[in-house]
C-alpha atoms as a PDB file:
ATOM      1  CA  MET A   1      49.155  17.677  64.890  1.00  0.00           C
ATOM      2  CA  LYS A   2      48.592  16.686  61.200  1.00  0.00           C
ATOM      3  CA  ARG A   3      45.292  17.661  59.765  1.00  0.00           C
ATOM      4  CA  PRO A   4      43.886  14.392  57.913  1.00  0.00           C
ATOM      5  CA  LYS A   5      43.764  14.525  54.237  1.00  0.00           C
ATOM      6  CA  ASN A   6      40.552  15.259  52.447  1.00  0.00           C
ATOM      7  CA  PRO A   7      40.064  12.526  49.874  1.00  0.00           C
ATOM      8  CA  VAL A   8      38.060  14.787  47.817  1.00  0.00           C
ATOM      9  CA  ARG A   9      41.031  16.933  47.166  1.00  0.00           C
ATOM     10  CA  ARG A  10      42.678  14.066  45.582  1.00  0.00           C
ATOM     11  CA  ALA A  11      42.111  15.194  42.168  1.00  0.00           C
ATOM     12  CA  VAL A  12      44.144  16.430  39.265  1.00  0.00           C
ATOM     13  CA  TYR A  13      43.136  19.098  37.086  1.00  0.00           C
ATOM     14  CA  ILE A  14      43.080  18.489  33.696  1.00  0.00           C
ATOM     15  CA  VAL A  15      43.700  20.611  30.631  1.00  0.00           C
ATOM     16  CA  VAL A  16      43.686  18.681  27.340  1.00  0.00           C
ATOM     17  CA  THR A  17      45.650  19.464  24.327  1.00  0.00           C
ATOM     18  CA  LEU A  18      46.014  17.376  21.248  1.00  0.00           C
ATOM     19  CA  GLY A  19      49.027  17.590  18.888  1.00  0.00           C
ATOM     20  CA  LEU A  20      48.878  16.548  15.155  1.00  0.00           C
ATOM     21  CA  LEU A  21      52.097  15.799  13.272  1.00  0.00           C
ATOM     22  CA  LEU A  22      52.274  14.952   9.384  1.00  0.00           C
ATOM     23  CA  LEU A  23      55.682  13.238   8.279  1.00  0.00           C
ATOM     24  CA  LEU A  24      56.186  13.248   4.494  1.00  0.00           C
ATOM     25  CA  VAL A  25      58.910  11.134   2.558  1.00  0.00           C
ATOM     26  CA  GLY A  26      61.492  13.844   1.275  1.00  0.00           C
ATOM     27  CA  GLY A  27      60.929  16.289   4.249  1.00  0.00           C
ATOM     28  CA  SER A  28      58.737  16.931   7.279  1.00  0.00           C
ATOM     29  CA  TYR A  29      56.195  19.623   8.274  1.00  0.00           C
ATOM     30  CA  PHE A  30      55.256  20.181  12.089  1.00  0.00           C
ATOM     31  CA  VAL A  31      51.991  21.615  13.369  1.00  0.00           C
ATOM     32  CA  TYR A  32      50.199  21.259  16.493  1.00  0.00           C
ATOM     33  CA  ALA A  33      46.469  21.717  16.317  1.00  0.00           C
ATOM     34  CA  ALA A  34      44.325  22.483  19.877  1.00  0.00           C
ATOM     35  CA  MET A  35      41.300  20.104  19.566  1.00  0.00           C
ATOM     36  CA  THR A  36      38.345  21.146  21.924  1.00  0.00           C
ATOM     37  CA  ALA A  37      35.152  19.435  22.343  1.00  0.00           C
ATOM     38  CA  GLU A  38      33.833  21.711  20.121  1.00  0.00           C
ATOM     39  CA  ASP A  39      36.309  20.046  17.017  1.00  0.00           C
ATOM     40  CA  ARG A  40      38.019  23.579  15.852  1.00  0.00           C
ATOM     41  CA  LYS A  41      37.715  23.213  12.101  1.00  0.00           C
ATOM     42  CA  ASP A  42      40.234  26.002  11.847  1.00  0.00           C
ATOM     43  CA  ASN A  43      43.092  24.075  12.605  1.00  0.00           C
ATOM     44  CA  ASP A  44      42.500  21.511   9.721  1.00  0.00           C
ATOM     45  CA  PHE A  45      45.303  21.923   6.949  1.00  0.00           C
ATOM     46  CA  GLN A  46      46.483  19.892   3.985  1.00  0.00           C
ATOM     47  CA  VAL A  47      49.671  19.249   2.771  1.00  0.00           C
ATOM     48  CA  GLY A  48      49.945  17.805  -0.649  1.00  0.00           C
ATOM     49  CA  GLN A  49      48.007  14.724  -0.967  1.00  0.00           C
ATOM     50  CA  VAL A  50      48.427  13.677   2.934  1.00  0.00           C
ATOM     51  CA  GLU A  51      45.906  15.072   5.180  1.00  0.00           C
ATOM     52  CA  THR A  52      45.273  13.696   8.569  1.00  0.00           C
ATOM     53  CA  GLU A  53      42.715  14.622  11.273  1.00  0.00           C
ATOM     54  CA  LEU A  54      42.495  13.803  14.573  1.00  0.00           C
ATOM     55  CA  VAL A  55      39.285  12.468  15.892  1.00  0.00           C
ATOM     56  CA  GLU A  56      37.999  12.744  19.396  1.00  0.00           C
ATOM     57  CA  GLU A  57      34.746  11.469  20.474  1.00  0.00           C
ATOM     58  CA  ASP A  58      32.628  11.733  23.628  1.00  0.00           C
ATOM     59  CA  PHE A  59      34.981  13.803  25.461  1.00  0.00           C
ATOM     60  CA  VAL A  60      33.623  16.232  27.969  1.00  0.00           C
ATOM     61  CA  GLN A  61      35.765  19.248  29.060  1.00  0.00           C
ATOM     62  CA  SER A  62      36.576  18.778  32.631  1.00  0.00           C
ATOM     63  CA  THR A  63      38.523  20.946  35.153  1.00  0.00           C
ATOM     64  CA  GLU A  64      39.536  18.218  37.538  1.00  0.00           C
ATOM     65  CA  ILE A  65      39.483  14.461  37.690  1.00  0.00           C
ATOM     66  CA  SER A  66      40.027  12.353  40.628  1.00  0.00           C
ATOM     67  CA  LYS A  67      41.742   8.806  41.365  1.00  0.00           C
ATOM     68  CA  ASP A  68      40.485   5.559  39.319  1.00  0.00           C
ATOM     69  CA  VAL A  69      37.798   7.737  37.589  1.00  0.00           C
ATOM     70  CA  THR A  70      37.468   7.166  33.975  1.00  0.00           C
ATOM     71  CA  VAL A  71      36.969  10.178  31.484  1.00  0.00           C
ATOM     72  CA  ASP A  72      35.780   9.449  28.227  1.00  0.00           C
ATOM     73  CA  LYS A  73      38.021  10.149  25.482  1.00  0.00           C
ATOM     74  CA  LYS A  74      37.601   7.890  22.589  1.00  0.00           C
ATOM     75  CA  ILE A  75      40.487   8.684  20.019  1.00  0.00           C
ATOM     76  CA  SER A  76      41.125   7.791  16.236  1.00  0.00           C
ATOM     77  CA  VAL A  77      42.318   9.285  13.087  1.00  0.00           C
ATOM     78  CA  ARG A  78      40.784   9.843   9.911  1.00  0.00           C
ATOM     79  CA  ASN A  79      42.734  10.088   6.446  1.00  0.00           C
ATOM     80  CA  HIS A  80      41.576  12.843   4.438  1.00  0.00           C
ATOM     81  CA  GLY A  81      43.967  12.726   1.842  1.00  0.00           C
ATOM     82  CA  THR A  82      44.330  10.940  -1.539  1.00  0.00           C
ATOM     83  CA  ILE A  83      46.399   8.528  -0.546  1.00  0.00           C
ATOM     84  CA  ASN A  84      46.396   5.202   1.575  1.00  0.00           C
ATOM     85  CA  GLN A  85      48.582   5.808   4.749  1.00  0.00           C
ATOM     86  CA  PHE A  86      50.402   4.213   7.294  1.00  0.00           C
ATOM     87  CA  ILE A  87      49.580   5.858  10.809  1.00  0.00           C
ATOM     88  CA  ARG A  88      51.431   5.664  14.111  1.00  0.00           C
ATOM     89  CA  VAL A  89      50.362   7.617  17.307  1.00  0.00           C
ATOM     90  CA  MET A  90      52.636   8.912  20.346  1.00  0.00           C
ATOM     91  CA  VAL A  91      50.641   9.887  23.578  1.00  0.00           C
ATOM     92  CA  LEU A  92      52.562  12.370  25.495  1.00  0.00           C
ATOM     93  CA  PRO A  93      50.921  13.099  29.446  1.00  0.00           C
ATOM     94  CA  GLU A  94      52.827  16.002  31.221  1.00  0.00           C
ATOM     95  CA  VAL A  95      52.238  17.204  34.959  1.00  0.00           C
ATOM     96  CA  LYS A  96      53.287  20.642  36.459  1.00  0.00           C
ATOM     97  CA  ALA A  97      53.037  21.179  39.666  1.00  0.00           C
ATOM     98  CA  ASP A  98      53.537  24.593  41.691  1.00  0.00           C
ATOM     99  CA  VAL A  99      56.876  24.612  43.249  1.00  0.00           C
ATOM    100  CA  ALA A 100      56.920  25.787  47.043  1.00  0.00           C
ATOM    101  CA  ASP A 101      57.658  29.435  47.706  1.00  0.00           C
ATOM    102  CA  GLU A 102      58.076  29.980  44.071  1.00  0.00           C
ATOM    103  CA  PRO A 103      54.489  30.801  42.570  1.00  0.00           C
ATOM    104  CA  SER A 104      55.827  31.767  39.324  1.00  0.00           C
ATOM    105  CA  ASN A 105      57.576  28.646  38.693  1.00  0.00           C
ATOM    106  CA  LYS A 106      56.052  25.275  38.060  1.00  0.00           C
ATOM    107  CA  GLU A 107      57.808  21.785  38.354  1.00  0.00           C
ATOM    108  CA  VAL A 108      57.460  19.192  35.474  1.00  0.00           C
ATOM    109  CA  MET A 109      56.672  15.799  36.794  1.00  0.00           C
ATOM    110  CA  SER A 110      56.772  12.465  35.173  1.00  0.00           C
ATOM    111  CA  LEU A 111      53.509  10.283  34.397  1.00  0.00           C
ATOM    112  CA  VAL A 112      53.873   6.608  33.354  1.00  0.00           C
ATOM    113  CA  ILE A 113      51.471   5.265  30.772  1.00  0.00           C
ATOM    114  CA  GLY A 114      50.093   2.054  32.225  1.00  0.00           C
ATOM    115  CA  LYS A 115      51.320   2.875  35.693  1.00  0.00           C
ATOM    116  CA  ASP A 116      49.894   6.253  36.551  1.00  0.00           C
ATOM    117  CA  LEU A 117      47.874   6.961  33.764  1.00  0.00           C
ATOM    118  CA  ILE A 118      45.704   4.302  32.085  1.00  0.00           C
ATOM    119  CA  LEU A 119      44.228   4.309  28.744  1.00  0.00           C
ATOM    120  CA  VAL A 120      41.019   2.832  29.067  1.00  0.00           C
ATOM    121  CA  ASN A 121      40.166  -0.090  26.568  1.00  0.00           C
ATOM    122  CA  LEU A 122      43.517   0.075  24.880  1.00  0.00           C
ATOM    123  CA  ASN A 123      42.990  -1.662  21.422  1.00  0.00           C
ATOM    124  CA  THR A 124      45.801  -3.937  21.110  1.00  0.00           C
ATOM    125  CA  THR A 125      44.341  -5.707  18.422  1.00  0.00           C
ATOM    126  CA  ASP A 126      44.563  -3.226  15.692  1.00  0.00           C
ATOM    127  CA  TRP A 127      47.431  -1.075  17.169  1.00  0.00           C
ATOM    128  CA  GLN A 128      50.632  -2.487  18.226  1.00  0.00           C
ATOM    129  CA  ASP A 129      53.027  -0.969  20.919  1.00  0.00           C
ATOM    130  CA  GLY A 130      56.194  -0.451  19.362  1.00  0.00           C
ATOM    131  CA  GLU A 131      57.533   0.148  22.822  1.00  0.00           C
ATOM    132  CA  ASP A 132      59.509   3.112  20.992  1.00  0.00           C
ATOM    133  CA  GLY A 133      56.617   5.977  22.213  1.00  0.00           C
ATOM    134  CA  TYR A 134      54.611   4.889  19.559  1.00  0.00           C
ATOM    135  CA  TYR A 135      51.323   2.977  18.950  1.00  0.00           C
ATOM    136  CA  TYR A 136      51.332   1.748  15.169  1.00  0.00           C
ATOM    137  CA  TYR A 137      47.832   1.162  13.436  1.00  0.00           C
ATOM    138  CA  ILE A 138      48.587  -2.877  11.989  1.00  0.00           C
ATOM    139  CA  LYS A 139      45.255  -3.582  10.978  1.00  0.00           C
ATOM    140  CA  GLU A 140      45.341  -2.202   7.819  1.00  0.00           C
ATOM    141  CA  ALA A 141      46.640   0.994   5.188  1.00  0.00           C
ATOM    142  CA  VAL A 142      44.038   3.720   5.777  1.00  0.00           C
ATOM    143  CA  LYS A 143      42.513   4.367   2.537  1.00  0.00           C
ATOM    144  CA  PRO A 144      41.207   8.181   1.752  1.00  0.00           C
ATOM    145  CA  ASN A 145      38.142   9.166   4.058  1.00  0.00           C
ATOM    146  CA  ASP A 146      38.542   6.281   6.029  1.00  0.00           C
ATOM    147  CA  PRO A 147      38.874   6.269  10.091  1.00  0.00           C
ATOM    148  CA  THR A 148      41.049   3.960  11.800  1.00  0.00           C
ATOM    149  CA  THR A 149      39.631   2.243  14.992  1.00  0.00           C
ATOM    150  CA  ALA A 150      39.785   3.921  18.518  1.00  0.00           C
ATOM    151  CA  LEU A 151      43.175   3.927  20.027  1.00  0.00           C
ATOM    152  CA  PHE A 152      41.526   4.057  23.261  1.00  0.00           C
ATOM    153  CA  ASP A 153      37.990   5.097  24.623  1.00  0.00           C
ATOM    154  CA  GLY A 154      39.063   7.088  27.868  1.00  0.00           C
ATOM    155  CA  ILE A 155      41.916   7.937  30.232  1.00  0.00           C
ATOM    156  CA  LYS A 156      41.980   7.646  34.319  1.00  0.00           C
ATOM    157  CA  LEU A 157      44.691   8.478  36.800  1.00  0.00           C
ATOM    158  CA  SER A 158      45.768   5.053  38.711  1.00  0.00           C
ATOM    159  CA  ASN A 159      44.133   4.797  42.245  1.00  0.00           C
ATOM    160  CA  SER A 160      47.812   4.305  43.356  1.00  0.00           C
ATOM    161  CA  ILE A 161      49.431   7.483  41.872  1.00  0.00           C
ATOM    162  CA  SER A 162      51.200   9.662  44.330  1.00  0.00           C
ATOM    163  CA  ASP A 163      49.338  12.468  46.261  1.00  0.00           C
ATOM    164  CA  LYS A 164      52.184  14.616  45.365  1.00  0.00           C
ATOM    165  CA  TYR A 165      50.269  14.839  42.056  1.00  0.00           C
ATOM    166  CA  ASP A 166      47.323  16.551  44.174  1.00  0.00           C
ATOM    167  CA  GLY A 167      46.115  19.577  42.507  1.00  0.00           C
ATOM    168  CA  ALA A 168      48.767  19.609  39.714  1.00  0.00           C
ATOM    169  CA  GLU A 169      47.999  20.826  36.273  1.00  0.00           C
ATOM    170  CA  PHE A 170      47.769  17.526  33.739  1.00  0.00           C
ATOM    171  CA  SER A 171      47.935  17.884  29.749  1.00  0.00           C
ATOM    172  CA  LEU A 172      47.849  15.293  27.428  1.00  0.00           C
ATOM    173  CA  SER A 173      48.773  15.747  23.925  1.00  0.00           C
ATOM    174  CA  MET A 174      48.629  13.261  21.026  1.00  0.00           C
ATOM    175  CA  LYS A 175      51.433  13.502  17.978  1.00  0.00           C
ATOM    176  CA  VAL A 176      50.311  11.512  15.020  1.00  0.00           C
ATOM    177  CA  GLU A 177      52.591  10.687  12.443  1.00  0.00           C
ATOM    178  CA  THR A 178      51.417   9.380   8.934  1.00  0.00           C
ATOM    179  CA  ILE A 179      53.583   8.350   5.947  1.00  0.00           C
ATOM    180  CA  ASN A 180      52.703   6.868   2.230  1.00  0.00           C
ATOM    181  CA  CYS A 181      52.171   3.087   1.741  1.00  0.00           C
ATOM    182  CA  ASN A 182      55.384   2.674  -0.718  1.00  0.00           C
ATOM    183  CA  THR A 183      57.538  -0.645   0.020  1.00  0.00           C
ATOM    184  CA  THR A 184      60.157   1.225   2.152  1.00  0.00           C
ATOM    185  CA  ALA A 185      59.013   4.925   2.728  1.00  0.00           C
ATOM    186  CA  TYR A 186      57.839   4.346   6.519  1.00  0.00           C
ATOM    187  CA  ARG A 187      61.077   2.524   7.204  1.00  0.00           C
ATOM    188  CA  GLN A 188      63.041   5.622   5.850  1.00  0.00           C
ATOM    189  CA  ALA A 189      60.918   8.021   7.824  1.00  0.00           C
ATOM    190  CA  TRP A 190      60.390   5.884  11.223  1.00  0.00           C
ATOM    191  CA  TRP A 191      63.182   3.711  11.413  1.00  0.00           C
ATOM    192  CA  HIS A 192      66.220   5.550   9.526  1.00  0.00           C
ATOM    193  CA  GLY A 193      65.764   3.098   6.903  1.00  0.00           C
ATOM    194  CA  ASP A 194      66.548   0.098   9.110  1.00  0.00           C
ATOM    195  CA  THR A 195      64.646  -3.113   8.964  1.00  0.00           C
ATOM    196  CA  PRO A 196      63.760  -4.207  12.675  1.00  0.00           C
ATOM    197  CA  THR A 197      64.984  -7.636  13.429  1.00  0.00           C
ATOM    198  CA  SER A 198      63.623  -7.652  16.993  1.00  0.00           C
ATOM    199  CA  ALA A 199      60.158  -7.607  18.636  1.00  0.00           C
ATOM    200  CA  PRO A 200      58.002  -5.639  18.555  1.00  0.00           C
ATOM    201  CA  LEU A 201      58.957  -3.696  15.888  1.00  0.00           C
ATOM    202  CA  SER A 202      59.773  -6.579  13.498  1.00  0.00           C
ATOM    203  CA  ILE A 203      56.256  -7.703  14.006  1.00  0.00           C
ATOM    204  CA  ILE A 204      55.163  -4.021  13.014  1.00  0.00           C
ATOM    205  CA  ASP A 205      57.213  -4.355  10.022  1.00  0.00           C
ATOM    206  CA  THR A 206      56.022  -7.269   8.688  1.00  0.00           C
ATOM    207  CA  ALA A 207      52.525  -6.512   9.109  1.00  0.00           C
ATOM    208  CA  LEU A 208      52.997  -3.334   7.225  1.00  0.00           C
ATOM    209  CA  GLN A 209      55.146  -4.611   4.535  1.00  0.00           C
ATOM    210  CA  SER A 210      52.234  -7.149   3.714  1.00  0.00           C
ATOM    211  CA  LYS A 211      50.298  -3.847   2.823  1.00  0.00           C
ATOM    212  CA  THR A 212      52.198  -1.928   0.939  1.00  0.00           C
ATOM    213  CA  ASP A 213      51.068  -0.515  -2.189  1.00  0.00           C
ATOM    214  CA  ASN A 214      54.144  -1.871  -4.328  1.00  0.00           C
END
């Protein structure tokens, strides 16, 4: 006879890691910075005149979360450089579960944003989903020392998420890409020099073009 499932065990252990990526015209430089509730300042860095900090507010470190329970996690990006910047962000959830009879191995499982993982109070006014994996900040070119508005205020696992995720390890990474506000720089860096002709990227392109420096 099967034992009834204990609803208290329907939780996913959460380990949050945030990644930071700076992309410059003429080359790229990759760096991943672990961000914790204590805000590890040793991971701040500068490359030329472009410097960006991923800002995390209201986050309380947690070992597990249950279905349909919001974990506060307010994410924005601050420009610590000396020039105006365009910014886009990728949210990368990952789940790893134990493999039966193979304790040293992990199975990577998919987690779909909007279906399995909900970004609470996702800001769709100042940020535009490019449907290419990135959220683009279209409100303005971010000036030196200024922050963006928050992309979202928290995360939660959908109430309909499969029980196969029970006890799995969940990590959330954020990849930030920034570029100067030259007329064509963001197109070269983000879209291989192409000008998008269909939505939503065409909408993003129009919004950014009106905010270029020249």
